[in-house]
Amino acid sequence: MKLQKDDLFLASLDNILDYIAQDGLIYAKKFNRKLQKAVNSISNFPYKSRKSLYYDNENIRDYIFKGYTIPYFIDNNNNKIILLDIFKWIDK
C-alpha cells in the first residue's frame, strides 16, 4: 500500500519538530528519522494498530509512536494509507 501524508499531519509534524529542535537540531532529525521508519512499516500490516479512539470508523487506526498518536486511514479502494495527524494524547 502506498503511504500518503495529509496536510494536517505535515503541519503538526513540522510544529513538533520545531519544538524538539529547541533542545537541539540533532534531536529533531533523529526523531524524524525514526518516525519515518516507523510509519513506513504501517503499510506491511495496516490493521495491526488499534481502532481509533478519535474516529468512529473501522478503517481509521491509531499508531502510537513515543507518546504521539498518529491516526491513519486505510483506503482499500485506492490501495493507500493516509496519515491524518500526529499529536500527544493530552492535546485532544
N, C-alpha and C. Protein backbone atom coordinates (compact mmCIF):
# COMPACT_ATOMS: atom_id res chain seq x y z
N MET A 1 0.83 -1.19 0.00
CA MET A 1 0.00 0.00 0.00
C MET A 1 0.88 1.25 0.00
N LYS A 2 0.42 2.23 -0.72
CA LYS A 2 1.14 3.50 -0.80
C LYS A 2 0.82 4.35 0.43
N LEU A 3 1.82 5.03 0.96
CA LEU A 3 1.66 5.89 2.12
C LEU A 3 1.55 7.34 1.68
N GLN A 4 0.51 8.01 2.15
CA GLN A 4 0.27 9.42 1.81
C GLN A 4 0.15 10.22 3.11
N LYS A 5 0.68 11.43 3.12
CA LYS A 5 0.64 12.29 4.30
C LYS A 5 -0.29 13.47 4.07
N ASP A 6 -1.31 13.57 4.90
CA ASP A 6 -2.26 14.67 4.83
C ASP A 6 -1.58 15.99 5.22
N ASP A 7 -2.12 17.11 4.76
CA ASP A 7 -1.56 18.42 5.09
C ASP A 7 -1.55 18.68 6.59
N LEU A 8 -2.58 18.23 7.30
CA LEU A 8 -2.64 18.40 8.75
C LEU A 8 -1.52 17.63 9.42
N PHE A 9 -1.25 16.42 8.96
CA PHE A 9 -0.14 15.63 9.50
C PHE A 9 1.17 16.37 9.31
N LEU A 10 1.41 16.86 8.11
CA LEU A 10 2.67 17.55 7.81
C LEU A 10 2.84 18.81 8.65
N ALA A 11 1.76 19.58 8.82
CA ALA A 11 1.82 20.81 9.62
C ALA A 11 2.07 20.48 11.09
N SER A 12 1.39 19.47 11.60
CA SER A 12 1.57 19.08 13.00
C SER A 12 2.97 18.54 13.24
N LEU A 13 3.47 17.75 12.31
CA LEU A 13 4.82 17.22 12.43
C LEU A 13 5.85 18.35 12.41
N ASP A 14 5.63 19.31 11.56
CA ASP A 14 6.54 20.46 11.49
C ASP A 14 6.59 21.19 12.83
N ASN A 15 5.44 21.38 13.46
CA ASN A 15 5.40 22.04 14.77
C ASN A 15 6.12 21.22 15.83
N ILE A 16 5.93 19.91 15.79
CA ILE A 16 6.60 19.03 16.75
C ILE A 16 8.11 19.08 16.56
N LEU A 17 8.56 19.02 15.32
CA LEU A 17 9.99 19.06 15.05
C LEU A 17 10.60 20.40 15.46
N ASP A 18 9.87 21.49 15.24
CA ASP A 18 10.34 22.80 15.69
C ASP A 18 10.51 22.83 17.21
N TYR A 19 9.56 22.23 17.92
CA TYR A 19 9.61 22.19 19.37
C TYR A 19 10.80 21.36 19.85
N ILE A 20 11.00 20.19 19.25
CA ILE A 20 12.12 19.33 19.63
C ILE A 20 13.44 20.00 19.30
N ALA A 21 13.49 20.72 18.20
CA ALA A 21 14.73 21.38 17.76
C ALA A 21 15.18 22.47 18.74
N GLN A 22 14.30 22.93 19.60
CA GLN A 22 14.71 23.91 20.60
C GLN A 22 15.75 23.32 21.55
N ASP A 23 15.72 22.00 21.76
CA ASP A 23 16.73 21.33 22.56
C ASP A 23 17.96 20.97 21.73
N GLY A 24 17.82 20.97 20.44
CA GLY A 24 18.94 20.66 19.56
C GLY A 24 18.43 20.10 18.25
N LEU A 25 18.98 20.59 17.17
CA LEU A 25 18.56 20.17 15.84
C LEU A 25 18.79 18.68 15.62
N ILE A 26 19.85 18.16 16.21
CA ILE A 26 20.15 16.73 16.05
C ILE A 26 19.04 15.85 16.63
N TYR A 27 18.41 16.30 17.72
CA TYR A 27 17.31 15.54 18.32
C TYR A 27 16.09 15.52 17.41
N ALA A 28 15.81 16.64 16.79
CA ALA A 28 14.67 16.71 15.87
C ALA A 28 14.92 15.82 14.65
N LYS A 29 16.13 15.84 14.13
CA LYS A 29 16.45 14.99 12.97
C LYS A 29 16.36 13.52 13.33
N LYS A 30 16.84 13.16 14.51
CA LYS A 30 16.80 11.77 14.96
C LYS A 30 15.35 11.30 15.15
N PHE A 31 14.53 12.16 15.77
CA PHE A 31 13.12 11.84 15.96
C PHE A 31 12.43 11.64 14.61
N ASN A 32 12.67 12.55 13.68
CA ASN A 32 12.04 12.47 12.36
C ASN A 32 12.47 11.21 11.60
N ARG A 33 13.74 10.88 11.69
CA ARG A 33 14.25 9.69 11.00
C ARG A 33 13.57 8.42 11.56
N LYS A 34 13.49 8.32 12.88
CA LYS A 34 12.86 7.15 13.50
C LYS A 34 11.36 7.12 13.21
N LEU A 35 10.73 8.29 13.21
CA LEU A 35 9.30 8.36 12.91
C LEU A 35 9.02 7.90 11.48
N GLN A 36 9.80 8.36 10.53
CA GLN A 36 9.60 7.98 9.13
C GLN A 36 9.76 6.48 8.94
N LYS A 37 10.74 5.90 9.62
CA LYS A 37 10.94 4.45 9.53
C LYS A 37 9.74 3.71 10.13
N ALA A 38 9.23 4.22 11.24
CA ALA A 38 8.08 3.58 11.90
C ALA A 38 6.82 3.67 11.05
N VAL A 39 6.51 4.83 10.51
CA VAL A 39 5.27 4.97 9.73
C VAL A 39 5.36 4.21 8.40
N ASN A 40 6.55 4.07 7.87
CA ASN A 40 6.69 3.28 6.64
C ASN A 40 6.35 1.81 6.88
N SER A 41 6.52 1.35 8.12
CA SER A 41 6.21 -0.05 8.43
C SER A 41 4.70 -0.30 8.52
N ILE A 42 3.90 0.75 8.63
CA ILE A 42 2.44 0.59 8.72
C ILE A 42 1.89 -0.14 7.51
N SER A 43 2.44 0.13 6.35
CA SER A 43 1.89 -0.46 5.12
C SER A 43 2.02 -1.98 5.09
N ASN A 44 2.93 -2.55 5.87
CA ASN A 44 3.08 -4.01 5.91
C ASN A 44 1.91 -4.69 6.61
N PHE A 45 1.44 -4.10 7.72
CA PHE A 45 0.33 -4.64 8.49
C PHE A 45 -0.59 -3.50 8.91
N PRO A 46 -1.40 -2.98 8.01
CA PRO A 46 -2.18 -1.77 8.31
C PRO A 46 -3.21 -1.94 9.43
N TYR A 47 -3.70 -3.14 9.65
CA TYR A 47 -4.73 -3.35 10.68
C TYR A 47 -4.13 -3.76 12.03
N LYS A 48 -2.82 -3.71 12.16
CA LYS A 48 -2.15 -4.11 13.39
C LYS A 48 -2.46 -3.14 14.54
N SER A 49 -2.56 -1.87 14.24
CA SER A 49 -2.82 -0.85 15.27
C SER A 49 -4.28 -0.89 15.70
N ARG A 50 -4.54 -0.32 16.87
CA ARG A 50 -5.90 -0.32 17.41
C ARG A 50 -6.83 0.55 16.58
N LYS A 51 -8.13 0.26 16.67
CA LYS A 51 -9.14 1.11 16.07
C LYS A 51 -9.04 2.47 16.75
N SER A 52 -9.20 3.52 16.00
CA SER A 52 -9.03 4.87 16.52
C SER A 52 -10.01 5.20 17.64
N LEU A 53 -9.51 5.86 18.66
CA LEU A 53 -10.34 6.36 19.75
C LEU A 53 -11.01 7.67 19.38
N TYR A 54 -10.53 8.30 18.31
CA TYR A 54 -10.97 9.65 17.94
C TYR A 54 -11.92 9.67 16.75
N TYR A 55 -12.04 8.56 16.05
CA TYR A 55 -12.91 8.47 14.88
C TYR A 55 -13.76 7.20 14.98
N ASP A 56 -14.97 7.26 14.52
CA ASP A 56 -15.85 6.10 14.53
C ASP A 56 -15.84 5.45 13.14
N ASN A 57 -14.72 4.84 12.82
CA ASN A 57 -14.54 4.22 11.51
C ASN A 57 -13.53 3.08 11.68
N GLU A 58 -13.92 1.89 11.28
CA GLU A 58 -13.06 0.72 11.42
C GLU A 58 -11.76 0.85 10.63
N ASN A 59 -11.76 1.64 9.57
CA ASN A 59 -10.57 1.80 8.73
C ASN A 59 -9.66 2.93 9.18
N ILE A 60 -9.98 3.58 10.29
CA ILE A 60 -9.09 4.59 10.84
C ILE A 60 -8.47 4.00 12.10
N ARG A 61 -7.16 3.92 12.12
CA ARG A 61 -6.40 3.30 13.20
C ARG A 61 -5.50 4.32 13.87
N ASP A 62 -5.12 4.03 15.12
CA ASP A 62 -4.20 4.88 15.87
C ASP A 62 -2.87 4.17 16.03
N TYR A 63 -1.83 4.72 15.43
CA TYR A 63 -0.49 4.21 15.61
C TYR A 63 0.16 5.06 16.70
N ILE A 64 0.77 4.42 17.69
CA ILE A 64 1.40 5.14 18.79
C ILE A 64 2.91 5.10 18.59
N PHE A 65 3.53 6.29 18.65
CA PHE A 65 4.98 6.40 18.49
C PHE A 65 5.51 7.39 19.52
N LYS A 66 6.27 6.88 20.49
CA LYS A 66 6.90 7.70 21.53
C LYS A 66 5.93 8.67 22.19
N GLY A 67 4.74 8.21 22.50
CA GLY A 67 3.75 9.03 23.17
C GLY A 67 2.90 9.87 22.23
N TYR A 68 3.19 9.85 20.96
CA TYR A 68 2.40 10.57 19.96
C TYR A 68 1.42 9.60 19.30
N THR A 69 0.23 10.08 19.04
CA THR A 69 -0.78 9.29 18.34
C THR A 69 -0.83 9.74 16.89
N ILE A 70 -0.80 8.77 15.99
CA ILE A 70 -0.87 9.06 14.56
C ILE A 70 -2.07 8.32 14.00
N PRO A 71 -3.21 9.01 13.87
CA PRO A 71 -4.36 8.35 13.24
C PRO A 71 -4.12 8.26 11.72
N TYR A 72 -4.48 7.11 11.17
CA TYR A 72 -4.34 6.94 9.72
C TYR A 72 -5.54 6.20 9.16
N PHE A 73 -5.85 6.52 7.92
CA PHE A 73 -7.00 5.95 7.23
C PHE A 73 -6.52 4.92 6.22
N ILE A 74 -7.10 3.73 6.27
CA ILE A 74 -6.78 2.67 5.32
C ILE A 74 -7.80 2.73 4.19
N ASP A 75 -7.34 3.18 3.03
CA ASP A 75 -8.20 3.31 1.85
C ASP A 75 -7.97 2.10 0.95
N ASN A 76 -8.77 1.06 1.19
CA ASN A 76 -8.61 -0.18 0.42
C ASN A 76 -8.96 -0.01 -1.05
N ASN A 77 -9.88 0.89 -1.36
CA ASN A 77 -10.30 1.09 -2.75
C ASN A 77 -9.17 1.63 -3.62
N ASN A 78 -8.35 2.52 -3.04
CA ASN A 78 -7.25 3.13 -3.79
C ASN A 78 -5.89 2.57 -3.39
N ASN A 79 -5.90 1.53 -2.54
CA ASN A 79 -4.67 0.86 -2.11
C ASN A 79 -3.65 1.84 -1.52
N LYS A 80 -4.14 2.67 -0.56
CA LYS A 80 -3.23 3.61 0.09
C LYS A 80 -3.60 3.81 1.55
N ILE A 81 -2.65 4.31 2.29
CA ILE A 81 -2.82 4.65 3.70
C ILE A 81 -2.54 6.14 3.83
N ILE A 82 -3.46 6.86 4.46
CA ILE A 82 -3.33 8.31 4.61
C ILE A 82 -3.07 8.63 6.07
N LEU A 83 -1.91 9.21 6.36
CA LEU A 83 -1.60 9.67 7.71
C LEU A 83 -2.36 10.97 7.93
N LEU A 84 -3.27 10.98 8.90
CA LEU A 84 -4.18 12.11 9.08
C LEU A 84 -3.62 13.21 9.97
N ASP A 85 -2.93 12.85 11.05
CA ASP A 85 -2.50 13.83 12.05
C ASP A 85 -1.44 13.19 12.93
N ILE A 86 -0.79 13.98 13.76
CA ILE A 86 0.09 13.49 14.80
C ILE A 86 -0.05 14.42 15.99
N PHE A 87 -0.26 13.85 17.17
CA PHE A 87 -0.47 14.67 18.37
C PHE A 87 -0.19 13.86 19.61
N LYS A 88 0.04 14.57 20.71
CA LYS A 88 0.14 13.95 22.03
C LYS A 88 -1.27 13.75 22.53
N TRP A 89 -1.49 12.72 23.30
CA TRP A 89 -2.84 12.41 23.78
C TRP A 89 -3.42 13.54 24.62
N ILE A 90 -2.59 14.32 25.29
CA ILE A 90 -3.11 15.39 26.15
C ILE A 90 -3.66 16.55 25.33
N ASP A 91 -3.30 16.62 24.03
CA ASP A 91 -3.77 17.71 23.17
C ASP A 91 -5.22 17.55 22.75
N LYS A 92 -5.72 16.34 22.73
CA LYS A 92 -7.06 16.11 22.19
C LYS A 92 -8.03 15.93 23.29
